[in-house]
Amino acid sequence: MQPNALRRMFAAALAAALAWSLFQIATPAQAQQAVNVARSATPSASYTSSWETVAAVNDGIEPPGSNDTRNPRWGTWPQTGSQWVQLTWAAPVTVNASDLYFFDDSFNSGPGGVRVPAGWRIEYLDNGAWTPVSGASAYGVAANAYNHTDFNAVTTTALRAVLQSGTASVGVLEWKVWGKGSASQTGNPIVRNIYTADPATLVVGDTMYLYSGRDEAAANQQAFVMDEWHVFSSKAPDNDPAAWTSHGVKLSLSTFAWAGANAWASEVVQGPDGRYYWFVSVDGSTDNGWMNIGVAVSNSPLGPFVDAIGGPLVSDSTPNSSALNIDPTVFIDDDGQIYLYWGSYWQPRMAKLNPNMTSLAGPVTTPTGLTEFWEAPWMFKRNGTYYMAYASNGGSGCVTSSSYACIRYATASDPAGPWTHRGVVLGQVTSTTNHPAIEQFNGQWWMVYHTADAAGGGDFRRSVAIDPLYFNADGTMQQVVQTRGA
């Protein structure tokens, strides 16, 4: 960083800190309202249209208008009458203000099936009974704006907005609840001092290692800026940030003399020789293509890592390579055969690897059965069944906009497929991209992914999260419940 840029950054930080201090001095009565505790609640509703999602009401996405066709929405069409949307916290919160942004699709020549309500109220859970808040300042029904309500402070574990429909069904784009409580407790994301993305996991002995890229885009910068990969570890994985130890940067673009940009998704696997191989997505500066897959190697899961090949393992010049060669996942079967899956732009690819982990053992093939595949495959085995999780940006039960992605999964009886699609295991997250890592540790399975939930986060400033993953008796996976903390 140049000296002038460093001075500007320091000045901006100092100004922000001073402004916050002055705010606390000038408005002590409002200081505790500065936390939106809705972000750490679990949403539910009386009814949700099959193509909408109740998770939208506290996903942190600012609506551009009441007829928001790009971002997730909660709506009740064709249901009318009295409908409610609810926020539930794992621990009590104290709240005294709310901002509600209604969904109304009559604007911009929309169909008008969902309109602002004729009226509404806020209720809180009081000793098992729903009770209207007292002292409510207003229950506005404006479109294209937040409707702010102050009320007498209540301590509760659940709040609901009861909406009475007027000429159509009702819905909500975003609900902010101001107070103190669970928003200051621990929870996802698990790294908060930097932005992290594209997680991968590896268990060695009594430790789970988490490998991620680092998002370095500036605020409002609409592009990925990623130059390095970080490592974290835990002996008791959890969504509490305190459960994880940061080991800092362990791999960067400078490791690969042939690399030019884009330290994208990766995975680390222990090879047959006992060493650790880090498969990475990176843009080469010495070829005519775009993204390639490189490999680094180390004697330790914490490095130091060095380039294992001196060039890409997979590139645009590889016969039958994907339209975008990114997101490698590597699986070593019980018989020692090694499989590499990767790909994007609806083009999954698979190839076998030689025991040296640095060369292909056969042709690149196109796996079948990965319904609605977009990118980010992750492969593992459980009870003799092979599982493939991957990002998808379309199809039933997945997303409200193709700009986002859910995580689907498929199973197979052979690591090369064919695969059978089983459903969605992780719904749409707050960032446009979605990337899974699935790992078992001490009998518990975990889904690791990224969101835009950290303070100042966004589509290019993502943060890694982790939540428990559960299997049904028949081996199918239950959809992961996403949790949010601070």
Protein backbone atom coordinates (compact mmCIF):
# COMPACT_ATOMS: atom_id res chain seq x y z
CA MET A 1 0.00 0.00 0.00
CA GLN A 2 1.30 3.45 -0.93
CA PRO A 3 1.90 5.98 1.89
CA ASN A 4 -0.82 8.34 0.63
CA ALA A 5 -3.36 5.51 0.44
CA LEU A 6 -2.39 4.39 3.95
CA ARG A 7 -2.86 7.90 5.28
CA ARG A 8 -6.27 8.19 3.60
CA MET A 9 -7.36 4.87 5.06
CA PHE A 10 -6.20 5.91 8.55
CA ALA A 11 -7.97 9.25 8.27
CA ALA A 12 -11.22 7.58 7.21
CA ALA A 13 -11.04 5.12 10.08
CA LEU A 14 -10.32 7.90 12.54
CA ALA A 15 -13.24 9.95 11.23
CA ALA A 16 -15.60 6.98 11.51
CA ALA A 17 -14.49 6.27 15.07
CA LEU A 18 -14.92 9.93 16.02
CA ALA A 19 -18.39 10.07 14.46
CA TRP A 20 -19.49 6.98 16.39
CA SER A 21 -18.16 8.43 19.65
CA LEU A 22 -20.05 11.67 19.07
CA PHE A 23 -23.22 9.71 18.26
CA GLN A 24 -23.02 7.86 21.57
CA ILE A 25 -22.47 11.10 23.49
CA ALA A 26 -25.21 13.01 21.70
CA THR A 27 -27.87 10.28 21.80
CA PRO A 28 -27.27 7.97 24.77
CA ALA A 29 -30.94 6.90 24.86
CA GLN A 30 -30.71 5.60 21.28
CA ALA A 31 -27.29 3.97 21.53
CA GLN A 32 -28.72 0.55 22.36
CA GLN A 33 -30.97 0.74 19.27
CA ALA A 34 -27.97 0.73 16.95
CA VAL A 35 -27.94 -3.08 16.66
CA ASN A 36 -30.22 -4.86 14.21
CA VAL A 37 -30.87 -8.06 16.18
CA ALA A 38 -33.13 -9.41 13.44
CA ARG A 39 -30.01 -10.66 11.65
CA SER A 40 -29.44 -13.35 14.29
CA ALA A 41 -33.03 -14.59 14.39
CA THR A 42 -34.60 -17.56 12.64
CA PRO A 43 -37.53 -16.48 10.44
CA SER A 44 -40.83 -18.33 9.97
CA ALA A 45 -44.23 -17.45 8.54
CA SER A 46 -47.87 -18.44 8.40
CA TYR A 47 -47.55 -19.17 4.68
CA THR A 48 -44.90 -18.70 1.98
CA SER A 49 -45.42 -18.92 -1.76
CA SER A 50 -43.44 -21.84 -3.18
CA TRP A 51 -41.24 -19.56 -5.30
CA GLU A 52 -40.55 -17.11 -2.44
CA THR A 53 -38.54 -17.60 0.78
CA VAL A 54 -39.14 -16.44 4.34
CA ALA A 55 -35.35 -16.29 4.80
CA ALA A 56 -35.49 -13.05 2.84
CA VAL A 57 -37.02 -11.06 5.68
CA ASN A 58 -33.75 -10.81 7.64
CA ASP A 59 -31.08 -11.58 5.04
CA GLY A 60 -29.60 -8.08 5.25
CA ILE A 61 -30.19 -7.23 1.58
CA GLU A 62 -31.36 -3.64 1.16
CA PRO A 63 -34.41 -3.52 -1.15
CA PRO A 64 -34.13 -1.16 -4.14
CA GLY A 65 -37.93 -0.83 -4.11
CA SER A 66 -41.03 -2.71 -3.08
CA ASN A 67 -41.19 -4.57 -6.40
CA ASP A 68 -37.71 -6.06 -6.06
CA THR A 69 -37.39 -8.68 -8.79
CA ARG A 70 -33.68 -9.37 -8.24
CA ASN A 71 -33.40 -10.30 -4.56
CA PRO A 72 -35.19 -12.91 -2.40
CA ARG A 73 -38.69 -12.02 -1.13
CA TRP A 74 -41.29 -13.32 1.28
CA GLY A 75 -44.82 -13.30 -0.12
CA THR A 76 -48.10 -15.11 0.55
CA TRP A 77 -49.81 -15.09 -2.86
CA PRO A 78 -52.49 -16.37 -3.36
CA GLN A 79 -53.29 -16.46 0.36
CA THR A 80 -55.04 -13.42 1.86
CA GLY A 81 -56.54 -12.46 5.21
CA SER A 82 -54.38 -12.35 8.33
CA GLN A 83 -50.80 -13.50 7.71
CA TRP A 84 -47.76 -13.30 9.97
CA VAL A 85 -43.99 -13.35 9.73
CA GLN A 86 -41.97 -14.24 12.81
CA LEU A 87 -38.42 -13.85 14.14
CA THR A 88 -37.22 -16.27 16.82
CA TRP A 89 -34.00 -15.93 18.82
CA ALA A 90 -32.04 -18.65 20.60
CA ALA A 91 -31.62 -16.34 23.63
CA PRO A 92 -33.71 -13.39 24.88
CA VAL A 93 -33.36 -10.00 23.24
CA THR A 94 -34.55 -6.59 24.41
CA VAL A 95 -36.09 -4.60 21.56
CA ASN A 96 -37.94 -1.30 21.18
CA ALA A 97 -38.03 -0.34 17.49
CA SER A 98 -38.65 -1.85 14.08
CA ASP A 99 -38.29 -1.06 10.38
CA LEU A 100 -40.44 -3.05 7.96
CA TYR A 101 -40.12 -2.88 4.15
CA PHE A 102 -43.20 -4.27 2.41
CA PHE A 103 -43.27 -6.30 -0.79
CA ASP A 104 -45.62 -4.71 -3.34
CA ASP A 105 -45.35 -5.92 -6.93
CA SER A 106 -47.80 -3.40 -8.38
CA PHE A 107 -44.95 -0.97 -9.11
CA ASN A 108 -43.08 -0.91 -12.41
CA SER A 109 -46.02 -2.57 -14.19
CA GLY A 110 -45.95 -5.58 -11.88
CA PRO A 111 -48.91 -7.96 -11.63
CA GLY A 112 -50.16 -6.57 -8.31
CA GLY A 113 -50.78 -9.92 -6.68
CA VAL A 114 -48.93 -8.74 -3.58
CA ARG A 115 -49.65 -5.30 -2.12
CA VAL A 116 -48.91 -3.39 1.07
CA PRO A 117 -51.23 -4.53 3.88
CA ALA A 118 -54.38 -2.70 4.90
CA GLY A 119 -53.00 -2.73 8.44
CA TRP A 120 -50.59 -4.56 10.69
CA ARG A 121 -49.21 -4.83 14.23
CA ILE A 122 -46.21 -6.19 16.13
CA GLU A 123 -46.63 -8.86 18.79
CA TYR A 124 -44.09 -10.42 21.15
CA LEU A 125 -43.99 -13.78 22.89
CA ASP A 126 -44.77 -13.25 26.58
CA ASN A 127 -44.82 -16.38 28.77
CA GLY A 128 -46.01 -18.47 25.84
CA ALA A 129 -48.71 -16.02 24.70
CA TRP A 130 -48.62 -13.55 21.81
CA THR A 131 -49.12 -10.01 23.11
CA PRO A 132 -49.26 -6.75 21.09
CA VAL A 133 -46.41 -4.36 21.92
CA SER A 134 -47.52 -1.22 23.74
CA GLY A 135 -46.80 2.40 22.90
CA ALA A 136 -46.37 1.77 19.17
CA SER A 137 -45.65 5.10 17.46
CA ALA A 138 -47.01 4.19 14.02
CA TYR A 139 -47.89 1.29 11.77
CA GLY A 140 -47.26 2.83 8.37
CA VAL A 141 -48.10 1.10 5.12
CA ALA A 142 -45.85 2.97 2.69
CA ALA A 143 -44.35 1.23 -0.31
CA ASN A 144 -40.76 1.75 -1.50
CA ALA A 145 -39.63 2.70 2.01
CA TYR A 146 -39.08 1.33 5.50
CA ASN A 147 -42.02 1.78 7.87
CA HIS A 148 -40.51 2.71 11.23
CA THR A 149 -42.19 1.89 14.53
CA ASP A 150 -41.04 2.75 18.06
CA PHE A 151 -42.62 0.89 20.98
CA ASN A 152 -42.09 0.27 24.67
CA ALA A 153 -39.10 -2.04 25.22
CA VAL A 154 -39.83 -5.75 25.64
CA THR A 155 -37.57 -8.69 26.44
CA THR A 156 -38.55 -11.76 24.48
CA THR A 157 -37.38 -14.69 22.37
CA ALA A 158 -39.80 -14.09 19.49
CA LEU A 159 -41.45 -11.22 17.65
CA ARG A 160 -44.05 -11.35 14.91
CA ALA A 161 -45.59 -8.89 12.50
CA VAL A 162 -49.25 -9.70 11.86
CA LEU A 163 -50.32 -8.34 8.45
CA GLN A 164 -53.94 -7.93 7.39
CA SER A 165 -54.29 -8.09 3.62
CA GLY A 166 -56.21 -5.46 1.71
CA THR A 167 -56.75 -5.76 -2.06
CA ALA A 168 -54.20 -8.57 -2.50
CA SER A 169 -51.79 -10.89 -0.71
CA VAL A 170 -49.02 -9.49 1.50
CA GLY A 171 -45.26 -9.83 1.82
CA VAL A 172 -42.05 -8.42 3.30
CA LEU A 173 -38.67 -7.76 1.73
CA GLU A 174 -36.68 -6.85 4.86
CA TRP A 175 -37.38 -6.50 8.57
CA LYS A 176 -34.99 -4.79 10.96
CA VAL A 177 -35.52 -4.99 14.71
CA TRP A 178 -33.52 -2.65 16.90
CA GLY A 179 -32.35 -3.47 20.41
CA LYS A 180 -29.73 -5.45 22.27
CA GLY A 181 -29.15 -9.12 22.85
CA SER A 182 -28.33 -11.91 20.45
CA ALA A 183 -26.71 -9.70 17.84
CA SER A 184 -23.77 -9.31 20.23
CA GLN A 185 -23.52 -13.04 20.94
CA THR A 186 -21.28 -15.51 19.20
CA GLY A 187 -22.19 -17.15 15.92
CA ASN A 188 -21.63 -17.04 12.18
CA PRO A 189 -19.60 -15.83 10.41
CA ILE A 190 -16.64 -17.49 12.08
CA VAL A 191 -14.00 -15.05 10.76
CA ARG A 192 -14.64 -11.34 11.20
CA ASN A 193 -11.32 -9.50 10.94
CA ILE A 194 -11.02 -10.24 7.21
CA TYR A 195 -13.42 -11.39 4.49
CA THR A 196 -13.10 -15.07 3.58
CA ALA A 197 -14.69 -17.20 0.86
CA ASP A 198 -14.72 -20.57 -0.92
CA PRO A 199 -14.07 -22.76 2.14
CA ALA A 200 -12.53 -26.22 2.07
CA THR A 201 -11.96 -28.55 5.01
CA LEU A 202 -9.55 -31.31 5.99
CA VAL A 203 -9.44 -33.40 9.18
CA VAL A 204 -6.04 -34.56 10.39
CA GLY A 205 -6.04 -36.36 13.73
CA ASP A 206 -7.82 -34.27 16.35
CA THR A 207 -7.92 -31.11 14.23
CA MET A 208 -10.15 -29.75 11.51
CA TYR A 209 -8.39 -27.41 9.12
CA LEU A 210 -10.29 -24.82 7.12
CA TYR A 211 -8.78 -23.36 3.97
CA SER A 212 -10.26 -20.27 2.34
CA GLY A 213 -9.59 -17.53 -0.14
CA ARG A 214 -9.53 -13.93 1.04
CA ASP A 215 -11.83 -11.26 -0.41
CA GLU A 216 -10.02 -7.93 -0.57
CA ALA A 217 -12.46 -5.89 -2.67
CA ALA A 218 -13.05 -2.35 -1.45
CA ALA A 219 -16.49 -1.30 -0.29
CA ASN A 220 -18.83 -0.99 -3.29
CA GLN A 221 -16.20 -2.51 -5.61
CA GLN A 222 -18.05 -4.82 -8.00
CA ALA A 223 -15.28 -7.32 -8.72
CA PHE A 224 -13.41 -10.12 -7.02
CA VAL A 225 -10.02 -9.13 -5.61
CA MET A 226 -8.34 -12.29 -4.35
CA ASP A 227 -4.58 -12.82 -4.11
CA GLU A 228 -4.07 -15.29 -1.26
CA TRP A 229 -5.41 -18.24 0.70
CA HIS A 230 -5.66 -18.49 4.51
CA VAL A 231 -5.75 -21.41 6.94
CA PHE A 232 -7.75 -21.77 10.18
CA SER A 233 -7.99 -24.73 12.54
CA SER A 234 -10.13 -26.01 15.40
CA LYS A 235 -10.13 -28.98 17.76
CA ALA A 236 -13.83 -28.37 18.50
CA PRO A 237 -15.50 -26.98 15.35
CA ASP A 238 -18.39 -24.64 15.99
CA ASN A 239 -19.90 -21.42 14.64
CA ASP A 240 -18.32 -19.52 17.54
CA PRO A 241 -15.37 -17.51 16.12
CA ALA A 242 -13.48 -18.24 19.35
CA ALA A 243 -13.39 -21.94 18.37
CA TRP A 244 -11.06 -21.20 15.45
CA THR A 245 -7.37 -20.33 15.34
CA SER A 246 -6.08 -18.28 12.43
CA HIS A 247 -2.76 -19.34 10.92
CA GLY A 248 -2.71 -16.49 8.41
CA VAL A 249 -1.66 -16.60 4.77
CA LYS A 250 -0.28 -20.01 3.78
CA LEU A 251 -0.49 -19.76 -0.01
CA SER A 252 -0.64 -16.91 -2.50
CA LEU A 253 -0.44 -16.16 -6.19
CA SER A 254 3.29 -15.55 -5.78
CA THR A 255 3.71 -19.28 -5.02
CA PHE A 256 3.01 -19.98 -8.71
CA ALA A 257 5.44 -18.24 -11.06
CA TRP A 258 2.99 -18.80 -13.91
CA ALA A 259 -0.01 -17.27 -12.08
CA GLY A 260 -1.44 -13.85 -12.90
CA ALA A 261 -4.55 -13.25 -10.79
CA ASN A 262 -7.60 -14.70 -9.03
CA ALA A 263 -6.86 -16.91 -6.03
CA TRP A 264 -10.21 -18.65 -6.24
CA ALA A 265 -11.65 -21.84 -4.73
CA SER A 266 -9.36 -24.65 -3.58
CA GLU A 267 -9.12 -27.90 -1.62
CA VAL A 268 -6.34 -29.63 0.33
CA VAL A 269 -5.98 -33.44 0.31
CA GLN A 270 -3.42 -35.72 1.90
CA GLY A 271 -1.81 -37.78 -0.86
CA PRO A 272 -0.68 -41.42 -0.85
CA ASP A 273 2.84 -40.25 0.04
CA GLY A 274 1.59 -38.56 3.22
CA ARG A 275 2.16 -35.06 1.91
CA TYR A 276 -0.55 -32.42 1.57
CA TYR A 277 -1.62 -31.26 -1.88
CA TRP A 278 -3.40 -27.93 -2.30
CA PHE A 279 -5.45 -27.82 -5.52
CA VAL A 280 -6.28 -24.24 -6.46
CA SER A 281 -8.16 -22.22 -9.07
CA VAL A 282 -5.90 -19.54 -10.51
CA ASP A 283 -5.62 -17.40 -13.62
CA GLY A 284 -2.40 -18.08 -15.51
CA SER A 285 -0.36 -15.22 -16.95
CA THR A 286 1.60 -17.41 -19.36
CA ASP A 287 -1.27 -18.96 -21.34
CA ASN A 288 -4.00 -17.68 -23.63
CA GLY A 289 -6.83 -19.02 -21.49
CA TRP A 290 -8.53 -17.85 -18.35
CA MET A 291 -8.71 -20.02 -15.20
CA ASN A 292 -6.55 -23.05 -14.52
CA ILE A 293 -6.11 -25.59 -11.76
CA GLY A 294 -2.70 -25.63 -10.08
CA VAL A 295 -1.25 -27.77 -7.31
CA ALA A 296 0.98 -26.86 -4.35
CA VAL A 297 2.49 -29.37 -1.92
CA SER A 298 3.75 -29.41 1.66
CA ASN A 299 4.84 -31.85 4.36
CA SER A 300 2.37 -30.23 6.76
CA PRO A 301 -1.26 -29.10 6.49
CA LEU A 302 0.04 -25.66 7.57
CA GLY A 303 2.80 -25.46 4.99
CA PRO A 304 5.07 -24.11 3.77
CA PHE A 305 3.60 -24.94 0.36
CA VAL A 306 5.50 -24.86 -2.94
CA ASP A 307 4.36 -25.27 -6.54
CA ALA A 308 4.23 -29.02 -7.18
CA ILE A 309 4.22 -28.87 -10.99
CA GLY A 310 5.58 -25.55 -12.26
CA GLY A 311 2.50 -25.08 -14.44
CA PRO A 312 -1.22 -25.86 -14.43
CA LEU A 313 -2.59 -29.36 -13.94
CA VAL A 314 -5.71 -28.43 -15.95
CA SER A 315 -6.03 -25.53 -18.40
CA ASP A 316 -7.98 -24.48 -21.47
CA SER A 317 -5.57 -26.57 -23.53
CA THR A 318 -6.57 -29.74 -21.67
CA PRO A 319 -8.83 -31.78 -24.01
CA ASN A 320 -12.51 -31.58 -22.98
CA SER A 321 -11.78 -29.11 -20.17
CA SER A 322 -14.65 -27.09 -18.72
CA ALA A 323 -15.73 -23.70 -20.00
CA LEU A 324 -14.24 -22.40 -16.74
CA ASN A 325 -11.66 -24.58 -14.99
CA ILE A 326 -12.28 -23.74 -11.34
CA ASP A 327 -13.41 -25.26 -8.02
CA PRO A 328 -11.40 -28.49 -7.82
CA THR A 329 -12.50 -31.23 -5.42
CA VAL A 330 -10.32 -34.30 -4.99
CA PHE A 331 -11.43 -37.65 -3.57
CA ILE A 332 -9.27 -40.71 -2.82
CA ASP A 333 -11.28 -43.92 -2.73
CA ASP A 334 -10.62 -46.93 -0.51
CA ASP A 335 -8.86 -48.72 -3.38
CA GLY A 336 -6.43 -45.82 -3.77
CA GLN A 337 -7.89 -44.46 -7.00
CA ILE A 338 -7.91 -40.64 -7.02
CA TYR A 339 -10.69 -38.60 -8.64
CA LEU A 340 -10.65 -34.92 -9.56
CA TYR A 341 -13.92 -33.07 -10.20
CA TRP A 342 -14.17 -29.40 -11.20
CA GLY A 343 -15.95 -26.98 -13.51
CA SER A 344 -18.35 -24.08 -13.93
CA TYR A 345 -20.76 -22.55 -16.46
CA TRP A 346 -22.94 -25.69 -16.25
CA GLN A 347 -20.00 -27.89 -17.28
CA PRO A 348 -18.82 -30.37 -14.63
CA ARG A 349 -15.73 -32.35 -15.46
CA MET A 350 -13.98 -35.41 -13.99
CA ALA A 351 -10.60 -37.07 -14.44
CA LYS A 352 -8.62 -39.68 -12.57
CA LEU A 353 -5.28 -38.66 -11.06
CA ASN A 354 -2.07 -40.64 -10.83
CA PRO A 355 -0.72 -41.48 -7.35
CA ASN A 356 1.74 -38.58 -7.65
CA MET A 357 -1.31 -36.23 -7.39
CA THR A 358 0.14 -33.98 -10.09
CA SER A 359 -0.83 -35.63 -13.38
CA LEU A 360 -3.98 -36.95 -15.02
CA ALA A 361 -4.33 -40.72 -15.24
CA GLY A 362 -6.81 -40.69 -18.11
CA PRO A 363 -9.04 -38.53 -20.28
CA VAL A 364 -11.29 -35.76 -19.00
CA THR A 365 -14.91 -36.92 -18.96
CA THR A 366 -18.27 -35.25 -18.41
CA PRO A 367 -20.14 -36.76 -15.45
CA THR A 368 -23.86 -37.32 -15.81
CA GLY A 369 -26.76 -36.85 -13.37
CA LEU A 370 -25.60 -33.62 -11.70
CA THR A 371 -28.94 -31.88 -12.30
CA GLU A 372 -28.82 -28.08 -12.59
CA PHE A 373 -25.05 -28.04 -11.98
CA TRP A 374 -23.45 -24.59 -12.00
CA GLU A 375 -20.09 -24.88 -10.17
CA ALA A 376 -18.33 -25.63 -6.83
CA PRO A 377 -18.45 -29.44 -6.56
CA TRP A 378 -17.53 -31.12 -3.25
CA MET A 379 -17.20 -34.91 -3.06
CA PHE A 380 -17.20 -37.27 -0.07
CA LYS A 381 -18.22 -40.81 0.91
CA ARG A 382 -20.52 -42.02 3.69
CA ASN A 383 -21.62 -45.59 4.47
CA GLY A 384 -20.54 -46.82 1.06
CA THR A 385 -22.39 -44.10 -0.86
CA TYR A 386 -20.66 -41.34 -2.80
CA TYR A 387 -22.02 -37.82 -2.41
CA MET A 388 -21.51 -34.79 -4.63
CA ALA A 389 -22.65 -31.36 -3.40
CA TYR A 390 -22.51 -28.46 -5.83
CA ALA A 391 -23.76 -24.95 -6.46
CA SER A 392 -26.85 -24.53 -8.63
CA ASN A 393 -28.52 -21.35 -9.82
CA GLY A 394 -31.82 -22.73 -11.09
CA GLY A 395 -34.50 -25.35 -10.73
CA SER A 396 -37.19 -26.11 -8.20
CA GLY A 397 -36.63 -25.14 -4.57
CA CYS A 398 -33.30 -23.48 -5.25
CA VAL A 399 -33.23 -19.69 -5.75
CA THR A 400 -35.50 -16.74 -6.39
CA SER A 401 -33.06 -15.26 -8.92
CA SER A 402 -30.46 -16.92 -11.15
CA SER A 403 -27.96 -14.35 -9.84
CA TYR A 404 -27.84 -16.45 -6.64
CA ALA A 405 -27.14 -20.12 -5.94
CA CYS A 406 -28.26 -22.92 -3.65
CA ILE A 407 -26.37 -26.14 -2.92
CA ARG A 408 -27.81 -29.30 -4.48
CA TYR A 409 -26.47 -32.80 -4.02
CA ALA A 410 -26.43 -36.12 -5.82
CA THR A 411 -25.40 -39.65 -4.88
CA ALA A 412 -23.79 -42.54 -6.73
CA SER A 413 -22.63 -46.10 -6.17
CA ASP A 414 -19.42 -45.42 -8.12
CA PRO A 415 -17.12 -42.38 -7.68
CA ALA A 416 -17.19 -41.79 -11.44
CA GLY A 417 -20.99 -41.76 -11.50
CA PRO A 418 -23.56 -41.78 -12.96
CA TRP A 419 -25.07 -39.51 -10.32
CA THR A 420 -28.66 -39.32 -9.09
CA HIS A 421 -29.92 -35.91 -8.02
CA ARG A 422 -31.37 -35.92 -4.48
CA GLY A 423 -32.35 -32.31 -3.73
CA VAL A 424 -31.22 -29.09 -2.08
CA VAL A 425 -29.06 -29.35 1.05
CA LEU A 426 -28.30 -25.63 1.52
CA GLY A 427 -30.63 -22.87 0.43
CA GLN A 428 -29.81 -19.52 -1.08
CA VAL A 429 -27.37 -17.45 0.99
CA THR A 430 -26.94 -13.67 1.23
CA SER A 431 -24.06 -13.57 -1.27
CA THR A 432 -24.66 -14.28 -4.94
CA THR A 433 -22.15 -17.15 -4.94
CA ASN A 434 -22.50 -20.28 -2.83
CA HIS A 435 -19.74 -22.79 -2.10
CA PRO A 436 -19.93 -25.96 0.05
CA ALA A 437 -17.48 -27.99 2.07
CA ILE A 438 -18.89 -30.99 3.95
CA GLU A 439 -16.86 -32.66 6.68
CA GLN A 440 -17.32 -35.11 9.55
CA PHE A 441 -15.56 -34.47 12.86
CA ASN A 442 -16.00 -36.64 15.98
CA GLY A 443 -19.25 -38.07 14.65
CA GLN A 444 -20.82 -34.74 13.71
CA TRP A 445 -21.20 -33.67 10.10
CA TRP A 446 -20.76 -30.00 9.18
CA MET A 447 -21.69 -27.79 6.25
CA VAL A 448 -19.16 -25.02 5.69
CA TYR A 449 -20.11 -22.25 3.25
CA HIS A 450 -19.86 -18.50 2.77
CA THR A 451 -22.31 -15.59 3.02
CA ALA A 452 -22.34 -11.80 2.89
CA ASP A 453 -23.33 -11.61 6.58
CA ALA A 454 -20.25 -9.96 8.09
CA ALA A 455 -20.29 -6.24 8.82
CA GLY A 456 -19.62 -4.41 5.57
CA GLY A 457 -19.99 -7.64 3.63
CA GLY A 458 -21.31 -8.13 0.13
CA ASP A 459 -21.10 -10.25 -2.99
CA PHE A 460 -17.35 -9.56 -3.24
CA ARG A 461 -16.71 -9.33 0.52
CA ARG A 462 -17.87 -12.74 1.75
CA SER A 463 -17.42 -14.56 5.05
CA VAL A 464 -17.18 -18.25 5.94
CA ALA A 465 -19.92 -19.83 8.07
CA ILE A 466 -20.47 -23.31 9.50
CA ASP A 467 -23.60 -25.15 10.63
CA PRO A 468 -24.45 -28.75 11.55
CA LEU A 469 -25.52 -31.14 8.79
CA TYR A 470 -27.83 -34.08 9.48
CA PHE A 471 -28.65 -37.25 7.53
CA ASN A 472 -31.94 -39.10 7.41
CA ALA A 473 -32.12 -42.84 8.04
CA ASP A 474 -32.18 -43.52 4.29
CA GLY A 475 -28.94 -41.58 3.72
CA THR A 476 -30.52 -38.46 2.28
CA MET A 477 -29.41 -35.13 3.72
CA GLN A 478 -31.62 -32.72 5.60
CA GLN A 479 -31.50 -29.11 4.43
CA VAL A 480 -29.07 -27.16 6.59
CA VAL A 481 -30.52 -24.49 8.89
CA GLN A 482 -28.44 -21.36 8.38
CA THR A 483 -27.61 -19.45 11.55
CA ARG A 484 -26.34 -15.92 12.01
CA GLY A 485 -24.69 -14.28 14.97
CA ALA A 486 -23.23 -10.82 15.24
